[in-house]
Amino acid sequence: MTKVTLLIFTGRPDPIWELAPGEVAALVKRLRELKPAAEVSTLGYRGFLVQSDEPGWPPKVIVRDSAELERLLLRTGGRHLSPEIIDIVEEAIK
């Protein structure tokens, strides 16, 4: 199982969703090549936390400063996120 947490809120739970098998396949190579970002404690958008028990994947990776991958992860959460949150994250990724 692979789940994604959008790191955006302070004082309330961040949105979390599970990736479908096709979405996982699209991320495999990109996540393996990614240099994980460090956790930050700022307000607002802080990236995506990807947690997985897939063989060969790191169990926990923070994705930030990788616009293409961040946009891909944002699209996977479309049904779990409000249009306002999507706009905020898209603007932060630019």
C-alpha atoms as a PDB file:
ATOM      1  CA  MET A   1       0.000   0.000   0.000  1.00  0.00           C
ATOM      2  CA  THR A   2       1.200   3.489  -0.854  1.00  0.00           C
ATOM      3  CA  LYS A   3      -0.350   6.565   0.676  1.00  0.00           C
ATOM      4  CA  VAL A   4       0.241  10.261   0.147  1.00  0.00           C
ATOM      5  CA  THR A   5      -0.119  13.044   2.698  1.00  0.00           C
ATOM      6  CA  LEU A   6      -0.323  16.622   1.485  1.00  0.00           C
ATOM      7  CA  LEU A   7       1.694  18.586   4.042  1.00  0.00           C
ATOM      8  CA  ILE A   8      -0.228  21.846   4.157  1.00  0.00           C
ATOM      9  CA  PHE A   9      -2.167  22.438   7.363  1.00  0.00           C
ATOM     10  CA  THR A  10      -1.134  23.539  10.816  1.00  0.00           C
ATOM     11  CA  GLY A  11      -3.428  22.667  13.689  1.00  0.00           C
ATOM     12  CA  ARG A  12      -5.641  20.267  11.739  1.00  0.00           C
ATOM     13  CA  PRO A  13      -5.075  16.957   9.961  1.00  0.00           C
ATOM     14  CA  ASP A  14      -3.451  17.026   6.536  1.00  0.00           C
ATOM     15  CA  PRO A  15      -5.296  15.298   3.651  1.00  0.00           C
ATOM     16  CA  ILE A  16      -4.249  11.660   3.124  1.00  0.00           C
ATOM     17  CA  TRP A  17      -5.146   9.305   0.292  1.00  0.00           C
ATOM     18  CA  GLU A  18      -4.102   5.902  -0.999  1.00  0.00           C
ATOM     19  CA  LEU A  19      -2.702   5.521  -4.495  1.00  0.00           C
ATOM     20  CA  ALA A  20      -4.262   3.175  -7.022  1.00  0.00           C
ATOM     21  CA  PRO A  21      -1.968   0.509  -8.558  1.00  0.00           C
ATOM     22  CA  GLY A  22      -1.638   2.468 -11.827  1.00  0.00           C
ATOM     23  CA  GLU A  23      -0.654   5.596  -9.910  1.00  0.00           C
ATOM     24  CA  VAL A  24       1.984   3.641  -7.997  1.00  0.00           C
ATOM     25  CA  ALA A  25       3.458   2.335 -11.252  1.00  0.00           C
ATOM     26  CA  ALA A  26       3.764   5.894 -12.585  1.00  0.00           C
ATOM     27  CA  LEU A  27       5.777   6.925  -9.512  1.00  0.00           C
ATOM     28  CA  VAL A  28       8.180   4.001  -9.155  1.00  0.00           C
ATOM     29  CA  LYS A  29      11.081   5.280 -11.263  1.00  0.00           C
ATOM     30  CA  ARG A  30      10.631   8.909 -10.268  1.00  0.00           C
ATOM     31  CA  LEU A  31      10.672   8.180  -6.536  1.00  0.00           C
ATOM     32  CA  ARG A  32      13.724   5.950  -6.833  1.00  0.00           C
ATOM     33  CA  GLU A  33      15.643   8.758  -8.547  1.00  0.00           C
ATOM     34  CA  LEU A  34      14.440  11.487  -6.181  1.00  0.00           C
ATOM     35  CA  LYS A  35      16.644  12.973  -3.517  1.00  0.00           C
ATOM     36  CA  PRO A  36      14.229  13.166  -0.541  1.00  0.00           C
ATOM     37  CA  ALA A  37      13.618  16.581   0.974  1.00  0.00           C
ATOM     38  CA  ALA A  38      13.980  17.260   4.685  1.00  0.00           C
ATOM     39  CA  GLU A  39      10.957  17.997   6.836  1.00  0.00           C
ATOM     40  CA  VAL A  40      10.341  21.691   7.420  1.00  0.00           C
ATOM     41  CA  SER A  41       8.199  23.394  10.028  1.00  0.00           C
ATOM     42  CA  THR A  42       6.874  26.389   8.146  1.00  0.00           C
ATOM     43  CA  LEU A  43       3.272  27.426   7.695  1.00  0.00           C
ATOM     44  CA  GLY A  44       1.442  26.475   4.518  1.00  0.00           C
ATOM     45  CA  TYR A  45       2.527  24.046   1.824  1.00  0.00           C
ATOM     46  CA  ARG A  46       5.508  21.888   2.816  1.00  0.00           C
ATOM     47  CA  GLY A  47       5.410  19.168   0.152  1.00  0.00           C
ATOM     48  CA  PHE A  48       4.066  15.624  -0.011  1.00  0.00           C
ATOM     49  CA  LEU A  49       4.857  12.728   2.287  1.00  0.00           C
ATOM     50  CA  VAL A  50       4.803   9.417   0.405  1.00  0.00           C
ATOM     51  CA  GLN A  51       4.725   6.291   2.584  1.00  0.00           C
ATOM     52  CA  SER A  52       4.892   2.839   1.058  1.00  0.00           C
ATOM     53  CA  ASP A  53       5.439  -0.808   1.816  1.00  0.00           C
ATOM     54  CA  GLU A  54       6.225  -1.537  -1.866  1.00  0.00           C
ATOM     55  CA  PRO A  55       9.365  -3.663  -2.356  1.00  0.00           C
ATOM     56  CA  GLY A  56      12.370  -1.559  -3.290  1.00  0.00           C
ATOM     57  CA  TRP A  57      10.794   1.738  -2.204  1.00  0.00           C
ATOM     58  CA  PRO A  58      11.902   3.809   0.742  1.00  0.00           C
ATOM     59  CA  PRO A  59       9.231   3.558   3.447  1.00  0.00           C
ATOM     60  CA  LYS A  60       8.943   7.348   3.780  1.00  0.00           C
ATOM     61  CA  VAL A  61       9.893  10.110   1.320  1.00  0.00           C
ATOM     62  CA  ILE A  62       9.137  13.826   1.409  1.00  0.00           C
ATOM     63  CA  VAL A  63       8.690  15.288  -2.058  1.00  0.00           C
ATOM     64  CA  ARG A  64       9.377  18.994  -2.432  1.00  0.00           C
ATOM     65  CA  ASP A  65      11.346  21.097  -4.944  1.00  0.00           C
ATOM     66  CA  SER A  66      10.505  18.632  -7.720  1.00  0.00           C
ATOM     67  CA  ALA A  67       7.711  20.397  -9.611  1.00  0.00           C
ATOM     68  CA  GLU A  68       6.882  17.609 -12.081  1.00  0.00           C
ATOM     69  CA  LEU A  69       6.590  14.969  -9.375  1.00  0.00           C
ATOM     70  CA  GLU A  70       4.673  17.318  -7.059  1.00  0.00           C
ATOM     71  CA  ARG A  71       2.133  18.022  -9.822  1.00  0.00           C
ATOM     72  CA  LEU A  72       1.752  14.290 -10.445  1.00  0.00           C
ATOM     73  CA  LEU A  73       1.101  13.675  -6.746  1.00  0.00           C
ATOM     74  CA  LEU A  74      -1.340  16.591  -6.634  1.00  0.00           C
ATOM     75  CA  ARG A  75      -3.318  15.059  -9.524  1.00  0.00           C
ATOM     76  CA  THR A  76      -3.594  11.755  -7.648  1.00  0.00           C
ATOM     77  CA  GLY A  77      -5.306  13.594  -4.789  1.00  0.00           C
ATOM     78  CA  GLY A  78      -7.793  15.474  -6.937  1.00  0.00           C
ATOM     79  CA  ARG A  79     -10.870  13.707  -5.585  1.00  0.00           C
ATOM     80  CA  HIS A  80      -9.698  14.248  -1.995  1.00  0.00           C
ATOM     81  CA  LEU A  81      -8.833  17.946  -2.214  1.00  0.00           C
ATOM     82  CA  SER A  82     -10.928  21.069  -2.607  1.00  0.00           C
ATOM     83  CA  PRO A  83     -10.343  23.304  -5.643  1.00  0.00           C
ATOM     84  CA  GLU A  84      -9.024  25.991  -3.280  1.00  0.00           C
ATOM     85  CA  ILE A  85      -6.380  23.680  -1.830  1.00  0.00           C
ATOM     86  CA  ILE A  86      -5.366  22.540  -5.316  1.00  0.00           C
ATOM     87  CA  ASP A  87      -4.938  26.187  -6.384  1.00  0.00           C
ATOM     88  CA  ILE A  88      -2.817  26.968  -3.312  1.00  0.00           C
ATOM     89  CA  VAL A  89      -0.525  24.002  -3.938  1.00  0.00           C
ATOM     90  CA  GLU A  90      -0.216  24.704  -7.663  1.00  0.00           C
ATOM     91  CA  GLU A  91       0.799  28.277  -6.895  1.00  0.00           C
ATOM     92  CA  ALA A  92       3.356  27.107  -4.294  1.00  0.00           C
ATOM     93  CA  ILE A  93       4.894  24.624  -6.731  1.00  0.00           C
ATOM     94  CA  LYS A  94       5.615  27.354  -9.315  1.00  0.00           C
END
